[in-house]
PDB file of N, CA and C in Angstrom:
ATOM      1  N   MET A   1     -38.974  80.867  40.156  1.00  0.00           N
ATOM      2  CA  MET A   1     -37.969  80.847  41.163  1.00  0.00           C
ATOM      3  C   MET A   1     -36.933  79.395  40.288  1.00  0.00           C
ATOM      4  N   GLU A   2     -35.669  79.380  39.888  1.00  0.00           N
ATOM      5  CA  GLU A   2     -34.932  78.274  39.800  1.00  0.00           C
ATOM      6  C   GLU A   2     -33.710  78.227  40.368  1.00  0.00           C
ATOM      7  N   PRO A   3     -33.576  77.191  41.522  1.00  0.00           N
ATOM      8  CA  PRO A   3     -32.508  77.098  42.158  1.00  0.00           C
ATOM      9  C   PRO A   3     -31.136  77.336  41.524  1.00  0.00           C
ATOM     10  N   GLU A   4     -30.007  77.373  42.162  1.00  0.00           N
ATOM     11  CA  GLU A   4     -28.675  77.284  41.631  1.00  0.00           C
ATOM     12  C   GLU A   4     -28.408  76.193  42.127  1.00  0.00           C
ATOM     13  N   LYS A   5     -27.346  75.848  41.270  1.00  0.00           N
ATOM     14  CA  LYS A   5     -26.429  74.655  41.818  1.00  0.00           C
ATOM     15  C   LYS A   5     -27.092  73.720  43.147  1.00  0.00           C
ATOM     16  N   GLY A   6     -28.053  73.487  43.332  1.00  0.00           N
ATOM     17  CA  GLY A   6     -28.478  72.223  43.993  1.00  0.00           C
ATOM     18  C   GLY A   6     -29.126  72.688  45.243  1.00  0.00           C
ATOM     19  N   ARG A   7     -28.990  73.912  45.491  1.00  0.00           N
ATOM     20  CA  ARG A   7     -29.477  74.976  46.370  1.00  0.00           C
ATOM     21  C   ARG A   7     -30.855  75.624  46.238  1.00  0.00           C
ATOM     22  N   CYS A   8     -31.572  76.225  47.020  1.00  0.00           N
ATOM     23  CA  CYS A   8     -32.485  76.809  47.142  1.00  0.00           C
ATOM     24  C   CYS A   8     -31.676  78.136  47.436  1.00  0.00           C
ATOM     25  N   ALA A   9     -32.419  79.370  47.236  1.00  0.00           N
ATOM     26  CA  ALA A   9     -32.051  80.545  47.740  1.00  0.00           C
ATOM     27  C   ALA A   9     -32.179  80.522  49.022  1.00  0.00           C
ATOM     28  N   CYS A  10     -32.762  79.618  49.899  1.00  0.00           N
ATOM     29  CA  CYS A  10     -32.517  79.334  51.873  1.00  0.00           C
ATOM     30  C   CYS A  10     -31.166  79.132  51.777  1.00  0.00           C
ATOM     31  N   GLY A  11     -30.640  78.325  50.638  1.00  0.00           N
ATOM     32  CA  GLY A  11     -29.520  77.059  51.124  1.00  0.00           C
ATOM     33  C   GLY A  11     -29.754  75.754  51.590  1.00  0.00           C
ATOM     34  N   ARG A  12     -30.716  75.653  51.814  1.00  0.00           N
ATOM     35  CA  ARG A  12     -32.032  73.982  51.738  1.00  0.00           C
ATOM     36  C   ARG A  12     -31.060  73.625  50.359  1.00  0.00           C
ATOM     37  N   HIS A  13     -30.920  71.827  50.856  1.00  0.00           N
ATOM     38  CA  HIS A  13     -30.722  71.295  49.127  1.00  0.00           C
ATOM     39  C   HIS A  13     -32.104  71.347  48.612  1.00  0.00           C
ATOM     40  N   THR A  14     -32.211  71.333  47.464  1.00  0.00           N
ATOM     41  CA  THR A  14     -33.177  71.000  46.701  1.00  0.00           C
ATOM     42  C   THR A  14     -34.153  69.574  46.509  1.00  0.00           C
ATOM     43  N   LYS A  15     -32.641  68.573  46.981  1.00  0.00           N
ATOM     44  CA  LYS A  15     -33.429  67.492  46.854  1.00  0.00           C
ATOM     45  C   LYS A  15     -34.212  67.456  48.335  1.00  0.00           C
ATOM     46  N   ASP A  16     -34.037  68.336  48.768  1.00  0.00           N
ATOM     47  CA  ASP A  16     -34.682  67.992  50.014  1.00  0.00           C
ATOM     48  C   ASP A  16     -36.170  68.614  50.114  1.00  0.00           C
ATOM     49  N   ALA A  17     -36.400  69.373  48.762  1.00  0.00           N
ATOM     50  CA  ALA A  17     -37.647  69.861  48.851  1.00  0.00           C
ATOM     51  C   ALA A  17     -39.067  68.791  48.396  1.00  0.00           C
ATOM     52  N   SER A  18     -40.217  68.974  48.869  1.00  0.00           N
ATOM     53  CA  SER A  18     -41.174  68.173  48.862  1.00  0.00           C
ATOM     54  C   SER A  18     -41.334  68.470  47.096  1.00  0.00           C
ATOM     55  N   VAL A  19     -41.711  67.129  46.171  1.00  0.00           N
ATOM     56  CA  VAL A  19     -41.953  67.356  45.108  1.00  0.00           C
ATOM     57  C   VAL A  19     -43.254  66.229  44.611  1.00  0.00           C
ATOM     58  N   TYR A  20     -43.804  67.216  43.733  1.00  0.00           N
ATOM     59  CA  TYR A  20     -45.605  66.938  43.364  1.00  0.00           C
ATOM     60  C   TYR A  20     -45.422  66.403  42.108  1.00  0.00           C
ATOM     61  N   VAL A  21     -45.952  65.386  41.235  1.00  0.00           N
ATOM     62  CA  VAL A  21     -45.701  65.319  39.402  1.00  0.00           C
ATOM     63  C   VAL A  21     -47.190  64.883  38.804  1.00  0.00           C
ATOM     64  N   TYR A  22     -46.992  65.902  37.891  1.00  0.00           N
ATOM     65  CA  TYR A  22     -48.157  66.200  37.274  1.00  0.00           C
ATOM     66  C   TYR A  22     -47.942  65.206  35.913  1.00  0.00           C
ATOM     67  N   ARG A  23     -48.468  64.206  35.481  1.00  0.00           N
ATOM     68  CA  ARG A  23     -48.108  63.531  33.291  1.00  0.00           C
ATOM     69  C   ARG A  23     -49.113  64.378  33.025  1.00  0.00           C
ATOM     70  N   SER A  24     -49.160  64.582  32.175  1.00  0.00           N
ATOM     71  CA  SER A  24     -50.305  65.067  31.019  1.00  0.00           C
ATOM     72  C   SER A  24     -49.924  63.830  29.671  1.00  0.00           C
ATOM     73  N   HIS A  25     -50.393  63.732  28.245  1.00  0.00           N
ATOM     74  CA  HIS A  25     -50.271  62.849  27.246  1.00  0.00           C
ATOM     75  C   HIS A  25     -48.833  62.963  26.871  1.00  0.00           C
ATOM     76  N   THR A  26     -48.226  63.868  27.086  1.00  0.00           N
ATOM     77  CA  THR A  26     -46.973  64.522  26.394  1.00  0.00           C
ATOM     78  C   THR A  26     -45.622  64.713  27.265  1.00  0.00           C
ATOM     79  N   ASP A  27     -46.053  65.134  28.311  1.00  0.00           N
ATOM     80  CA  ASP A  27     -44.973  66.130  29.355  1.00  0.00           C
ATOM     81  C   ASP A  27     -45.134  65.883  30.706  1.00  0.00           C
ATOM     82  N   ARG A  28     -44.252  65.819  31.625  1.00  0.00           N
ATOM     83  CA  ARG A  28     -44.405  65.509  32.973  1.00  0.00           C
ATOM     84  C   ARG A  28     -43.579  67.156  33.353  1.00  0.00           C
ATOM     85  N   TYR A  29     -44.520  66.968  34.743  1.00  0.00           N
ATOM     86  CA  TYR A  29     -44.328  68.398  34.983  1.00  0.00           C
ATOM     87  C   TYR A  29     -44.207  68.436  36.814  1.00  0.00           C
ATOM     88  N   LEU A  30     -42.573  68.612  36.711  1.00  0.00           N
ATOM     89  CA  LEU A  30     -42.394  68.461  38.767  1.00  0.00           C
ATOM     90  C   LEU A  30     -42.611  69.937  38.995  1.00  0.00           C
ATOM     91  N   PHE A  31     -43.134  69.698  40.305  1.00  0.00           N
ATOM     92  CA  PHE A  31     -43.189  71.159  40.860  1.00  0.00           C
ATOM     93  C   PHE A  31     -43.218  70.770  42.385  1.00  0.00           C
ATOM     94  N   HIS A  32     -41.399  72.050  42.522  1.00  0.00           N
ATOM     95  CA  HIS A  32     -40.902  71.541  43.698  1.00  0.00           C
ATOM     96  C   HIS A  32     -41.564  72.807  45.071  1.00  0.00           C
ATOM     97  N   ARG A  33     -41.490  72.214  46.450  1.00  0.00           N
ATOM     98  CA  ARG A  33     -41.503  73.227  47.034  1.00  0.00           C
ATOM     99  C   ARG A  33     -40.778  73.165  48.126  1.00  0.00           C
ATOM    100  N   CYS A  34     -39.986  73.852  48.653  1.00  0.00           N
ATOM    101  CA  CYS A  34     -38.531  73.769  49.625  1.00  0.00           C
ATOM    102  C   CYS A  34     -39.877  74.385  51.042  1.00  0.00           C
ATOM    103  N   GLU A  35     -39.058  73.823  51.914  1.00  0.00           N
ATOM    104  CA  GLU A  35     -39.461  74.298  53.147  1.00  0.00           C
ATOM    105  C   GLU A  35     -39.845  75.526  53.663  1.00  0.00           C
ATOM    106  N   CYS A  36     -38.511  76.411  53.137  1.00  0.00           N
ATOM    107  CA  CYS A  36     -38.563  78.202  53.015  1.00  0.00           C
ATOM    108  C   CYS A  36     -40.170  78.828  52.315  1.00  0.00           C
ATOM    109  N   GLY A  37     -40.679  77.668  52.120  1.00  0.00           N
ATOM    110  CA  GLY A  37     -41.637  78.147  50.812  1.00  0.00           C
ATOM    111  C   GLY A  37     -41.529  78.547  49.405  1.00  0.00           C
ATOM    112  N   ALA A  38     -40.491  78.489  49.127  1.00  0.00           N
ATOM    113  CA  ALA A  38     -40.027  78.991  47.463  1.00  0.00           C
ATOM    114  C   ALA A  38     -40.297  77.916  46.733  1.00  0.00           C
ATOM    115  N   GLU A  39     -41.219  77.903  45.502  1.00  0.00           N
ATOM    116  CA  GLU A  39     -41.292  76.928  44.394  1.00  0.00           C
ATOM    117  C   GLU A  39     -40.656  76.935  43.355  1.00  0.00           C
ATOM    118  N   TRP A  40     -40.412  76.285  42.621  1.00  0.00           N
ATOM    119  CA  TRP A  40     -40.052  75.928  40.908  1.00  0.00           C
ATOM    120  C   TRP A  40     -40.453  74.689  40.330  1.00  0.00           C
ATOM    121  N   THR A  41     -40.305  74.959  39.066  1.00  0.00           N
ATOM    122  CA  THR A  41     -41.335  73.680  37.890  1.00  0.00           C
ATOM    123  C   THR A  41     -40.065  73.541  37.330  1.00  0.00           C
ATOM    124  N   GLU A  42     -40.212  72.233  37.288  1.00  0.00           N
ATOM    125  CA  GLU A  42     -39.396  71.127  36.176  1.00  0.00           C
ATOM    126  C   GLU A  42     -40.432  71.090  35.175  1.00  0.00           C
ATOM    127  N   HIS A  43     -40.008  70.779  33.715  1.00  0.00           N
ATOM    128  CA  HIS A  43     -40.911  70.281  32.858  1.00  0.00           C
ATOM    129  C   HIS A  43     -39.955  69.618  31.961  1.00  0.00           C
ATOM    130  N   GLN A  44     -40.428  68.011  31.797  1.00  0.00           N
ATOM    131  CA  GLN A  44     -39.793  66.906  31.064  1.00  0.00           C
ATOM    132  C   GLN A  44     -40.705  66.735  30.259  1.00  0.00           C
ATOM    133  N   THR A  45     -39.961  66.286  28.614  1.00  0.00           N
ATOM    134  CA  THR A  45     -40.770  65.803  28.271  1.00  0.00           C
ATOM    135  C   THR A  45     -40.910  64.240  28.754  1.00  0.00           C
ATOM    136  N   ASP A  46     -42.146  63.662  28.880  1.00  0.00           N
ATOM    137  CA  ASP A  46     -42.592  62.503  29.242  1.00  0.00           C
ATOM    138  C   ASP A  46     -42.210  60.993  27.836  1.00  0.00           C
ATOM    139  N   ILE A  47     -42.092  60.211  28.513  1.00  0.00           N
ATOM    140  CA  ILE A  47     -41.229  58.707  28.344  1.00  0.00           C
ATOM    141  C   ILE A  47     -43.038  58.151  27.473  1.00  0.00           C
ATOM    142  N   ASP A  48     -43.284  57.612  26.136  1.00  0.00           N
ATOM    143  CA  ASP A  48     -44.122  57.347  25.771  1.00  0.00           C
ATOM    144  C   ASP A  48     -44.028  55.347  26.169  1.00  0.00           C
ATOM    145  N   PRO A  49     -44.667  55.177  27.289  1.00  0.00           N
ATOM    146  CA  PRO A  49     -44.778  53.647  27.770  1.00  0.00           C
ATOM    147  C   PRO A  49     -44.813  52.947  26.424  1.00  0.00           C
ATOM    148  N   THR A  50     -45.670  52.973  25.811  1.00  0.00           N
ATOM    149  CA  THR A  50     -45.473  51.935  24.371  1.00  0.00           C
ATOM    150  C   THR A  50     -44.660  51.795  23.724  1.00  0.00           C
ATOM    151  N   ASP A  51     -43.422  52.879  23.778  1.00  0.00           N
ATOM    152  CA  ASP A  51     -42.426  53.076  22.600  1.00  0.00           C
ATOM    153  C   ASP A  51     -41.849  51.565  23.217  1.00  0.00           C
ATOM    154  N   PRO A  52     -41.865  50.487  21.968  1.00  0.00           N
ATOM    155  CA  PRO A  52     -39.975  49.803  22.123  1.00  0.00           C
ATOM    156  C   PRO A  52     -38.691  49.867  22.990  1.00  0.00           C
ATOM    157  N   VAL A  53     -38.540  48.908  23.636  1.00  0.00           N
ATOM    158  CA  VAL A  53     -37.424  49.411  24.688  1.00  0.00           C
ATOM    159  C   VAL A  53     -36.321  48.381  24.124  1.00  0.00           C
ATOM    160  N   SER A  54     -35.039  48.547  23.476  1.00  0.00           N
ATOM    161  CA  SER A  54     -34.100  47.698  22.776  1.00  0.00           C
ATOM    162  C   SER A  54     -33.362  46.820  24.075  1.00  0.00           C
ATOM    163  N   SER A  55     -33.194  45.357  23.632  1.00  0.00           N
ATOM    164  CA  SER A  55     -32.152  44.761  24.758  1.00  0.00           C
ATOM    165  C   SER A  55     -30.552  45.516  25.279  1.00  0.00           C
ATOM    166  N   ASP A  56     -30.301  46.672  24.133  1.00  0.00           N
ATOM    167  CA  ASP A  56     -29.604  47.149  25.066  1.00  0.00           C
ATOM    168  C   ASP A  56     -29.651  48.183  25.883  1.00  0.00           C
ATOM    169  N   GLU A  57     -30.858  48.647  25.955  1.00  0.00           N
ATOM    170  CA  GLU A  57     -30.961  49.686  26.387  1.00  0.00           C
ATOM    171  C   GLU A  57     -31.408  48.838  28.345  1.00  0.00           C
ATOM    172  N   VAL A  58     -32.196  48.027  27.908  1.00  0.00           N
ATOM    173  CA  VAL A  58     -31.996  46.676  29.438  1.00  0.00           C
ATOM    174  C   VAL A  58     -31.035  46.559  29.922  1.00  0.00           C
ATOM    175  N   ILE A  59     -30.042  46.117  29.202  1.00  0.00           N
ATOM    176  CA  ILE A  59     -28.809  45.870  29.675  1.00  0.00           C
ATOM    177  C   ILE A  59     -28.272  47.245  30.277  1.00  0.00           C
ATOM    178  N   GLU A  60     -28.749  48.483  30.058  1.00  0.00           N
ATOM    179  CA  GLU A  60     -27.867  49.539  30.236  1.00  0.00           C
ATOM    180  C   GLU A  60     -28.333  49.692  31.829  1.00  0.00           C
ATOM    181  N   VAL A  61     -29.596  49.636  31.815  1.00  0.00           N
ATOM    182  CA  VAL A  61     -30.558  49.714  32.728  1.00  0.00           C
ATOM    183  C   VAL A  61     -29.625  48.841  34.138  1.00  0.00           C
ATOM    184  N   HIS A  62     -29.771  47.813  33.620  1.00  0.00           N
ATOM    185  CA  HIS A  62     -29.241  46.587  34.660  1.00  0.00           C
ATOM    186  C   HIS A  62     -27.640  46.810  35.254  1.00  0.00           C
ATOM    187  N   LYS A  63     -26.886  47.182  34.390  1.00  0.00           N
ATOM    188  CA  LYS A  63     -25.722  47.679  34.798  1.00  0.00           C
ATOM    189  C   LYS A  63     -25.507  49.344  35.763  1.00  0.00           C
ATOM    190  N   ARG A  64     -26.114  50.330  35.162  1.00  0.00           N
ATOM    191  CA  ARG A  64     -26.150  51.131  36.418  1.00  0.00           C
ATOM    192  C   ARG A  64     -26.765  50.981  37.613  1.00  0.00           C
ATOM    193  N   LEU A  65     -27.878  50.071  37.612  1.00  0.00           N
ATOM    194  CA  LEU A  65     -28.840  49.076  38.983  1.00  0.00           C
ATOM    195  C   LEU A  65     -27.742  48.921  39.985  1.00  0.00           C
ATOM    196  N   ALA A  66     -26.821  48.298  39.245  1.00  0.00           N
ATOM    197  CA  ALA A  66     -26.225  47.214  39.975  1.00  0.00           C
ATOM    198  C   ALA A  66     -24.559  47.965  40.549  1.00  0.00           C
ATOM    199  N   LYS A  67     -24.316  49.462  39.866  1.00  0.00           N
ATOM    200  CA  LYS A  67     -23.661  49.826  40.280  1.00  0.00           C
ATOM    201  C   LYS A  67     -23.863  50.829  41.694  1.00  0.00           C
ATOM    202  N   PHE A  68     -25.547  50.965  41.690  1.00  0.00           N
ATOM    203  CA  PHE A  68     -26.140  51.903  42.286  1.00  0.00           C
ATOM    204  C   PHE A  68     -25.941  51.514  43.996  1.00  0.00           C
ATOM    205  N   GLU A  69     -25.758  52.444  44.553  1.00  0.00           N
ATOM    206  CA  GLU A  69     -25.674  52.131  46.331  1.00  0.00           C
ATOM    207  C   GLU A  69     -26.312  53.374  46.981  1.00  0.00           C
ATOM    208  N   GLY A  70     -27.816  53.315  47.199  1.00  0.00           N
ATOM    209  CA  GLY A  70     -28.599  54.115  47.815  1.00  0.00           C
ATOM    210  C   GLY A  70     -30.100  53.349  47.839  1.00  0.00           C
ATOM    211  N   SER A  71     -30.980  55.025  48.854  1.00  0.00           N
ATOM    212  CA  SER A  71     -32.118  54.085  49.007  1.00  0.00           C
ATOM    213  C   SER A  71     -33.098  54.620  47.129  1.00  0.00           C
ATOM    214  N   ILE A  72     -34.170  53.519  47.553  1.00  0.00           N
ATOM    215  CA  ILE A  72     -35.243  53.756  45.987  1.00  0.00           C
ATOM    216  C   ILE A  72     -35.424  55.294  45.524  1.00  0.00           C
ATOM    217  N   ALA A  73     -35.147  55.723  46.880  1.00  0.00           N
ATOM    218  CA  ALA A  73     -36.088  57.550  47.224  1.00  0.00           C
ATOM    219  C   ALA A  73     -35.087  58.153  46.261  1.00  0.00           C
ATOM    220  N   GLU A  74     -33.702  57.816  46.588  1.00  0.00           N
ATOM    221  CA  GLU A  74     -32.554  58.527  46.009  1.00  0.00           C
ATOM    222  C   GLU A  74     -32.642  57.659  44.490  1.00  0.00           C
ATOM    223  N   LEU A  75     -32.709  56.486  44.185  1.00  0.00           N
ATOM    224  CA  LEU A  75     -32.882  55.815  42.704  1.00  0.00           C
ATOM    225  C   LEU A  75     -33.683  56.812  41.615  1.00  0.00           C
ATOM    226  N   LEU A  76     -35.172  57.111  42.397  1.00  0.00           N
ATOM    227  CA  LEU A  76     -36.209  58.010  41.730  1.00  0.00           C
ATOM    228  C   LEU A  76     -36.030  59.012  41.581  1.00  0.00           C
ATOM    229  N   GLU A  77     -35.293  59.401  42.307  1.00  0.00           N
ATOM    230  CA  GLU A  77     -34.943  61.218  41.965  1.00  0.00           C
ATOM    231  C   GLU A  77     -33.633  61.455  41.168  1.00  0.00           C
ATOM    232  N   ARG A  78     -32.934  60.343  40.617  1.00  0.00           N
ATOM    233  CA  ARG A  78     -31.994  60.969  39.811  1.00  0.00           C
ATOM    234  C   ARG A  78     -31.933  60.972  38.703  1.00  0.00           C
ATOM    235  N   ARG A  79     -31.529  61.986  37.797  1.00  0.00           N
ATOM    236  CA  ARG A  79     -32.094  62.610  36.509  1.00  0.00           C
ATOM    237  C   ARG A  79     -30.765  61.260  35.337  1.00  0.00           C
ATOM    238  N   PRO A  80     -31.735  60.980  34.060  1.00  0.00           N
ATOM    239  CA  PRO A  80     -30.515  60.112  33.358  1.00  0.00           C
ATOM    240  C   PRO A  80     -29.246  61.237  33.577  1.00  0.00           C
ATOM    241  N   ALA A  81     -27.634  60.428  33.000  1.00  0.00           N
ATOM    242  CA  ALA A  81     -27.154  61.168  32.804  1.00  0.00           C
ATOM    243  C   ALA A  81     -26.524  60.983  31.109  1.00  0.00           C
TER     244      ALA A  81
END
């Protein structure tokens, strides 16, 4: 099941679902489970932590963090724009 427009079939917000993360060497899987029992999986290509980061990327992250208002949980669940 893949939720539509940020809501589960039961009407709850998908951001309220429990999330379990599994990381392999190349991929990351996020297993979501809503309180109603519905489940869905999100697949992401994992980022290699050994890849170099440019100074422009670091500056961009700092700019976005400076504008962010919310909890650390909200920050960690945000998807790249």
